[in-house]
C-alpha atoms as a PDB file:
ATOM      1  CA  MET A   1      70.832 -80.415 -37.209  1.00  0.00           C
ATOM      2  CA  SER A   2      69.502 -77.556 -35.111  1.00  0.00           C
ATOM      3  CA  SER A   3      66.895 -78.008 -32.414  1.00  0.00           C
ATOM      4  CA  ARG A   4      64.771 -75.293 -34.002  1.00  0.00           C
ATOM      5  CA  VAL A   5      62.110 -75.877 -36.594  1.00  0.00           C
ATOM      6  CA  SER A   6      61.443 -73.420 -39.384  1.00  0.00           C
ATOM      7  CA  SER A   7      58.809 -71.502 -37.425  1.00  0.00           C
ATOM      8  CA  GLY A   8      61.376 -70.667 -34.719  1.00  0.00           C
ATOM      9  CA  VAL A   9      59.692 -72.956 -32.169  1.00  0.00           C
ATOM     10  CA  ARG A  10      62.057 -75.308 -30.379  1.00  0.00           C
ATOM     11  CA  ALA A  11      61.647 -78.949 -31.262  1.00  0.00           C
ATOM     12  CA  VAL A  12      61.560 -81.676 -28.639  1.00  0.00           C
ATOM     13  CA  ARG A  13      65.104 -83.101 -28.475  1.00  0.00           C
ATOM     14  CA  ALA A  14      64.769 -85.688 -25.701  1.00  0.00           C
ATOM     15  CA  ILE A  15      62.384 -87.532 -23.425  1.00  0.00           C
ATOM     16  CA  VAL A  16      62.703 -87.344 -19.642  1.00  0.00           C
ATOM     17  CA  ALA A  17      60.928 -90.249 -17.948  1.00  0.00           C
ATOM     18  CA  GLY A  18      60.595 -91.172 -14.312  1.00  0.00           C
ATOM     19  CA  HIS A  19      58.470 -91.968 -11.308  1.00  0.00           C
ATOM     20  CA  GLY A  20      55.811 -89.600 -10.012  1.00  0.00           C
ATOM     21  CA  GLU A  21      56.503 -85.996 -10.986  1.00  0.00           C
ATOM     22  CA  PHE A  22      60.272 -86.481 -11.360  1.00  0.00           C
ATOM     23  CA  ALA A  23      60.357 -85.789 -15.103  1.00  0.00           C
ATOM     24  CA  ALA A  24      57.899 -82.904 -15.023  1.00  0.00           C
ATOM     25  CA  GLY A  25      59.797 -81.369 -12.108  1.00  0.00           C
ATOM     26  CA  LEU A  26      63.135 -81.510 -13.899  1.00  0.00           C
ATOM     27  CA  VAL A  27      61.654 -80.127 -17.098  1.00  0.00           C
ATOM     28  CA  SER A  28      59.961 -77.354 -15.125  1.00  0.00           C
ATOM     29  CA  ALA A  29      63.268 -76.471 -13.453  1.00  0.00           C
ATOM     30  CA  VAL A  30      65.062 -76.398 -16.823  1.00  0.00           C
ATOM     31  CA  ASP A  31      62.351 -74.119 -18.170  1.00  0.00           C
ATOM     32  CA  GLN A  32      62.482 -71.793 -15.168  1.00  0.00           C
ATOM     33  CA  ILE A  33      66.277 -71.488 -15.370  1.00  0.00           C
ATOM     34  CA  THR A  34      66.730 -71.355 -19.144  1.00  0.00           C
ATOM     35  CA  GLY A  35      63.350 -70.945 -20.843  1.00  0.00           C
ATOM     36  CA  ARG A  36      64.209 -74.078 -22.837  1.00  0.00           C
ATOM     37  CA  GLY A  37      62.009 -76.695 -21.176  1.00  0.00           C
ATOM     38  CA  SER A  38      60.286 -77.357 -24.492  1.00  0.00           C
ATOM     39  CA  ALA A  39      63.405 -79.289 -25.526  1.00  0.00           C
ATOM     40  CA  PHE A  40      62.052 -82.147 -23.406  1.00  0.00           C
ATOM     41  CA  ARG A  41      58.920 -84.289 -23.306  1.00  0.00           C
ATOM     42  CA  ALA A  42      58.210 -85.422 -19.744  1.00  0.00           C
ATOM     43  CA  ILE A  43      56.768 -88.876 -19.130  1.00  0.00           C
ATOM     44  CA  SER A  44      55.591 -90.256 -15.797  1.00  0.00           C
ATOM     45  CA  ALA A  45      55.342 -93.958 -15.030  1.00  0.00           C
ATOM     46  CA  ARG A  46      52.550 -93.235 -12.573  1.00  0.00           C
ATOM     47  CA  ASP A  47      49.646 -95.694 -12.930  1.00  0.00           C
ATOM     48  CA  LEU A  48      51.154 -97.341 -16.041  1.00  0.00           C
ATOM     49  CA  SER A  49      51.826-101.030 -16.498  1.00  0.00           C
ATOM     50  CA  GLY A  50      55.100-102.078 -18.089  1.00  0.00           C
ATOM     51  CA  ALA A  51      53.310-102.678 -21.393  1.00  0.00           C
ATOM     52  CA  ASP A  52      51.602 -99.279 -21.232  1.00  0.00           C
ATOM     53  CA  LEU A  53      54.901 -97.568 -20.468  1.00  0.00           C
ATOM     54  CA  ASP A  54      56.580 -99.356 -23.388  1.00  0.00           C
ATOM     55  CA  LYS A  55      53.770 -98.251 -25.686  1.00  0.00           C
ATOM     56  CA  LEU A  56      53.944 -94.633 -24.479  1.00  0.00           C
ATOM     57  CA  LEU A  57      57.724 -94.469 -24.927  1.00  0.00           C
ATOM     58  CA  VAL A  58      57.582 -95.965 -28.432  1.00  0.00           C
ATOM     59  CA  GLN A  59      54.766 -93.603 -29.390  1.00  0.00           C
ATOM     60  CA  THR A  60      56.627 -90.583 -28.024  1.00  0.00           C
ATOM     61  CA  VAL A  61      59.909 -91.515 -29.735  1.00  0.00           C
ATOM     62  CA  GLU A  62      58.083 -91.983 -33.028  1.00  0.00           C
ATOM     63  CA  GLU A  63      55.990 -88.822 -32.639  1.00  0.00           C
ATOM     64  CA  THR A  64      58.906 -86.559 -31.711  1.00  0.00           C
ATOM     65  CA  GLY A  65      61.753 -88.239 -33.570  1.00  0.00           C
ATOM     66  CA  VAL A  66      64.003 -87.953 -30.503  1.00  0.00           C
ATOM     67  CA  THR A  67      67.104 -90.085 -30.181  1.00  0.00           C
ATOM     68  CA  VAL A  68      67.741 -89.531 -26.450  1.00  0.00           C
ATOM     69  CA  VAL A  69      65.796 -90.768 -23.418  1.00  0.00           C
ATOM     70  CA  PHE A  70      66.795 -89.616 -19.923  1.00  0.00           C
ATOM     71  CA  THR A  71      65.426 -91.673 -16.998  1.00  0.00           C
ATOM     72  CA  ASP A  72      65.576 -91.485 -13.217  1.00  0.00           C
ATOM     73  CA  LEU A  73      66.731 -94.875 -11.902  1.00  0.00           C
ATOM     74  CA  GLN A  74      69.148 -97.388 -13.405  1.00  0.00           C
ATOM     75  CA  ALA A  75      66.809-100.305 -12.671  1.00  0.00           C
ATOM     76  CA  GLY A  76      63.530 -98.371 -12.530  1.00  0.00           C
ATOM     77  CA  SER A  77      60.468 -99.094 -14.632  1.00  0.00           C
ATOM     78  CA  CYS A  78      61.149 -96.246 -17.093  1.00  0.00           C
ATOM     79  CA  THR A  79      64.695 -97.444 -17.680  1.00  0.00           C
ATOM     80  CA  MET A  80      63.545-101.022 -18.141  1.00  0.00           C
ATOM     81  CA  ALA A  81      60.883 -99.878 -20.622  1.00  0.00           C
ATOM     82  CA  ALA A  82      63.456 -97.794 -22.498  1.00  0.00           C
ATOM     83  CA  ARG A  83      65.825-100.762 -22.625  1.00  0.00           C
ATOM     84  CA  ARG A  84      63.066-102.869 -24.153  1.00  0.00           C
ATOM     85  CA  ILE A  85      62.350-100.340 -26.890  1.00  0.00           C
ATOM     86  CA  LEU A  86      66.088 -99.968 -27.622  1.00  0.00           C
ATOM     87  CA  ARG A  87      66.064-103.540 -28.894  1.00  0.00           C
ATOM     88  CA  ASP A  88      64.216-102.255 -31.964  1.00  0.00           C
ATOM     89  CA  ARG A  89      65.696 -98.731 -31.910  1.00  0.00           C
ATOM     90  CA  PRO A  90      69.495 -98.912 -31.743  1.00  0.00           C
ATOM     91  CA  ASP A  91      69.577 -95.260 -32.859  1.00  0.00           C
ATOM     92  CA  VAL A  92      68.187 -94.149 -29.467  1.00  0.00           C
ATOM     93  CA  LEU A  93      70.527 -93.428 -26.542  1.00  0.00           C
ATOM     94  CA  LEU A  94      69.337 -94.157 -22.997  1.00  0.00           C
ATOM     95  CA  VAL A  95      70.802 -92.129 -20.133  1.00  0.00           C
ATOM     96  CA  ALA A  96      69.808 -93.439 -16.691  1.00  0.00           C
ATOM     97  CA  GLY A  97      70.277 -91.378 -13.536  1.00  0.00           C
ATOM     98  CA  ALA A  98      69.353 -87.998 -14.986  1.00  0.00           C
ATOM     99  CA  ASN A  99      69.860 -84.874 -12.896  1.00  0.00           C
ATOM    100  CA  LEU A 100      69.305 -81.148 -13.361  1.00  0.00           C
ATOM    101  CA  PRO A 101      72.906 -80.180 -14.245  1.00  0.00           C
ATOM    102  CA  MET A 102      72.859 -82.887 -16.914  1.00  0.00           C
ATOM    103  CA  LEU A 103      69.675 -81.574 -18.516  1.00  0.00           C
ATOM    104  CA  LEU A 104      70.906 -77.978 -18.369  1.00  0.00           C
ATOM    105  CA  ASP A 105      74.090 -78.950 -20.176  1.00  0.00           C
ATOM    106  CA  PHE A 106      72.039 -80.792 -22.789  1.00  0.00           C
ATOM    107  CA  VAL A 107      69.734 -77.859 -23.592  1.00  0.00           C
ATOM    108  CA  PHE A 108      72.632 -75.464 -24.062  1.00  0.00           C
ATOM    109  CA  ALA A 109      74.181 -77.793 -26.657  1.00  0.00           C
ATOM    110  CA  GLU A 110      71.401 -77.170 -29.162  1.00  0.00           C
ATOM    111  CA  ASP A 111      73.757 -76.960 -32.155  1.00  0.00           C
ATOM    112  CA  VAL A 112      75.307 -80.347 -31.363  1.00  0.00           C
ATOM    113  CA  PRO A 113      73.632 -83.623 -32.428  1.00  0.00           C
ATOM    114  CA  ALA A 114      71.409 -84.843 -29.586  1.00  0.00           C
ATOM    115  CA  ILE A 115      73.335 -88.046 -28.866  1.00  0.00           C
ATOM    116  CA  GLU A 116      76.657 -86.179 -28.714  1.00  0.00           C
ATOM    117  CA  ALA A 117      75.071 -83.514 -26.489  1.00  0.00           C
ATOM    118  CA  ALA A 118      73.685 -86.219 -24.183  1.00  0.00           C
ATOM    119  CA  ARG A 119      77.041 -87.964 -23.864  1.00  0.00           C
ATOM    120  CA  HIS A 120      78.668 -84.657 -22.896  1.00  0.00           C
ATOM    121  CA  ALA A 121      75.795 -83.938 -20.490  1.00  0.00           C
ATOM    122  CA  VAL A 122      76.417 -87.259 -18.719  1.00  0.00           C
ATOM    123  CA  ASP A 123      79.936 -86.091 -17.859  1.00  0.00           C
ATOM    124  CA  ARG A 124      78.562 -82.756 -16.595  1.00  0.00           C
ATOM    125  CA  GLY A 125      75.866 -84.463 -14.521  1.00  0.00           C
ATOM    126  CA  ARG A 126      78.382 -86.838 -12.983  1.00  0.00           C
ATOM    127  CA  ALA A 127      80.782 -83.995 -12.160  1.00  0.00           C
ATOM    128  CA  ALA A 128      77.992 -82.019 -10.455  1.00  0.00           C
ATOM    129  CA  ILE A 129      77.518 -84.627  -7.735  1.00  0.00           C
ATOM    130  CA  THR A 130      79.399 -83.696  -4.563  1.00  0.00           C
ATOM    131  CA  ALA A 131      79.135 -84.280  -0.822  1.00  0.00           C
ATOM    132  CA  HIS A 132      79.966 -81.741   1.888  1.00  0.00           C
ATOM    133  CA  GLY A 133      80.207 -82.000   5.638  1.00  0.00           C
ATOM    134  CA  GLY A 134      79.055 -85.066   7.470  1.00  0.00           C
ATOM    135  CA  LYS A 135      81.715 -85.155  10.116  1.00  0.00           C
ATOM    136  CA  THR A 136      81.434 -88.394  12.069  1.00  0.00           C
END
Protein backbone atom coordinates (compact mmCIF):
# COMPACT_ATOMS: atom_id res chain seq x y z
CA MET A 1 0.00 0.00 0.00
CA SER A 2 1.37 3.40 -0.95
CA SER A 3 1.67 6.26 1.50
CA ARG A 4 -0.25 8.51 -0.87
CA VAL A 5 -3.99 8.97 -0.86
CA SER A 6 -5.97 9.48 -4.03
CA SER A 7 -5.72 13.28 -3.88
CA GLY A 8 -1.90 13.07 -4.02
CA VAL A 9 -1.53 14.23 -0.41
CA ARG A 10 0.78 12.09 1.69
CA ALA A 11 -0.93 10.09 4.39
CA VAL A 12 0.39 9.90 7.93
CA ARG A 13 2.41 6.66 8.13
CA ALA A 14 3.73 6.79 11.70
CA ILE A 15 3.55 8.57 15.03
CA VAL A 16 6.64 10.14 16.61
CA ALA A 17 6.17 10.66 20.35
CA GLY A 18 8.50 12.05 22.96
CA HIS A 19 9.26 14.52 25.70
CA GLY A 20 9.09 18.27 25.16
CA GLU A 21 9.57 19.22 21.52
CA PHE A 22 11.53 16.07 20.62
CA ALA A 23 8.92 14.69 18.22
CA ALA A 24 8.08 18.02 16.61
CA GLY A 25 11.79 18.76 16.19
CA LEU A 26 12.49 15.46 14.45
CA VAL A 27 9.46 15.82 12.20
CA SER A 28 10.49 19.39 11.37
CA ALA A 29 14.00 18.20 10.47
CA VAL A 30 12.60 15.43 8.25
CA ASP A 31 10.39 17.98 6.53
CA GLN A 32 13.23 20.45 6.03
CA ILE A 33 15.51 17.78 4.55
CA THR A 34 12.99 15.82 2.48
CA GLY A 35 9.69 17.72 2.33
CA ARG A 36 8.05 14.56 3.69
CA GLY A 37 7.36 15.53 7.30
CA SER A 38 3.65 14.94 6.75
CA ALA A 39 4.40 11.21 6.92
CA PHE A 40 4.53 11.64 10.70
CA ARG A 41 2.19 12.84 13.44
CA ALA A 42 4.18 14.35 16.31
CA ILE A 43 2.99 13.86 19.88
CA SER A 44 4.46 15.49 22.97
CA ALA A 45 4.08 14.08 26.47
CA ARG A 46 4.35 17.58 27.89
CA ASP A 47 1.74 18.23 30.60
CA LEU A 48 -0.02 14.88 30.01
CA SER A 49 -0.74 12.26 32.62
CA GLY A 50 -0.13 8.62 31.75
CA ALA A 51 -3.86 8.12 31.18
CA ASP A 52 -4.06 11.21 28.96
CA LEU A 53 -1.06 10.06 26.94
CA ASP A 54 -2.60 6.60 26.51
CA LYS A 55 -5.84 8.18 25.32
CA LEU A 56 -4.04 10.49 22.87
CA LEU A 57 -1.98 7.64 21.40
CA VAL A 58 -5.03 5.39 20.98
CA GLN A 59 -6.99 8.23 19.40
CA THR A 60 -4.15 9.08 17.03
CA VAL A 61 -3.59 5.45 15.99
CA GLU A 62 -7.31 5.05 15.33
CA GLU A 63 -7.63 8.39 13.53
CA THR A 64 -4.63 7.88 11.25
CA GLY A 65 -4.62 4.11 10.89
CA VAL A 66 -0.85 4.00 11.47
CA THR A 67 0.86 0.79 12.47
CA VAL A 68 4.18 2.29 13.63
CA VAL A 69 4.98 4.41 16.69
CA PHE A 70 8.48 5.86 17.13
CA THR A 71 9.38 7.09 20.65
CA ASP A 72 12.36 8.77 22.27
CA LEU A 73 13.33 6.75 25.36
CA GLN A 74 13.16 3.01 25.99
CA ALA A 75 11.62 3.51 29.44
CA GLY A 76 10.11 6.96 28.88
CA SER A 77 6.46 7.85 29.37
CA CYS A 78 5.65 7.75 25.63
CA THR A 79 7.16 4.29 25.29
CA MET A 80 5.32 3.04 28.35
CA ALA A 81 2.05 4.45 27.00
CA ALA A 82 2.69 2.84 23.61
CA ARG A 83 3.43 -0.49 25.29
CA ARG A 84 0.10 -0.28 27.11
CA ILE A 85 -1.85 0.34 23.91
CA LEU A 86 0.01 -2.50 22.15
CA ARG A 87 -1.74 -4.93 24.48
CA ASP A 88 -4.92 -4.30 22.49
CA ARG A 89 -3.19 -3.50 19.17
CA PRO A 90 -0.74 -6.27 18.28
CA ASP A 91 -0.73 -4.92 14.70
CA VAL A 92 1.19 -1.80 15.84
CA LEU A 93 5.01 -1.81 15.97
CA LEU A 94 6.77 0.26 18.63
CA VAL A 95 10.27 1.55 17.91
CA ALA A 96 11.96 3.13 20.95
CA GLY A 97 15.07 5.29 20.64
CA ALA A 98 14.14 7.07 17.43
CA ASN A 99 16.70 9.28 15.71
CA LEU A 100 16.81 11.43 12.58
CA PRO A 101 18.60 8.93 10.29
CA MET A 102 15.98 6.35 11.24
CA LEU A 103 13.08 8.62 10.33
CA LEU A 104 14.74 9.68 7.08
CA ASP A 105 15.15 6.05 6.06
CA PHE A 106 11.51 5.40 6.92
CA VAL A 107 10.10 8.25 4.80
CA PHE A 108 12.08 7.19 1.74
CA ALA A 109 10.59 3.68 1.95
CA GLU A 110 7.11 4.90 1.05
CA ASP A 111 6.37 1.96 -1.27
CA VAL A 112 7.20 -0.58 1.44
CA PRO A 113 4.64 -1.56 4.12
CA ALA A 114 5.13 0.68 7.16
CA ILE A 115 6.17 -2.06 9.58
CA GLU A 116 8.76 -3.42 7.13
CA ALA A 117 10.03 0.12 6.48
CA ALA A 118 10.31 0.74 10.23
CA ARG A 119 12.26 -2.46 10.83
CA HIS A 120 14.72 -1.47 8.09
CA ALA A 121 14.89 2.07 9.51
CA VAL A 122 15.89 0.67 12.92
CA ASP A 123 18.98 -0.88 11.33
CA ARG A 124 19.80 2.43 9.60
CA GLY A 125 19.31 4.42 12.81
CA ARG A 126 21.52 2.04 14.76
CA ALA A 127 24.25 2.16 12.11
CA ALA A 128 24.22 5.98 12.13
CA ILE A 129 25.40 6.18 15.73
CA THR A 130 29.16 6.73 15.94
CA ALA A 131 31.68 8.30 18.31
CA HIS A 132 34.79 10.24 17.28
CA GLY A 133 37.70 11.62 19.24
CA GLY A 134 37.69 11.66 22.99
CA LYS A 135 41.32 10.88 23.55
CA THR A 136 41.91 10.26 27.25
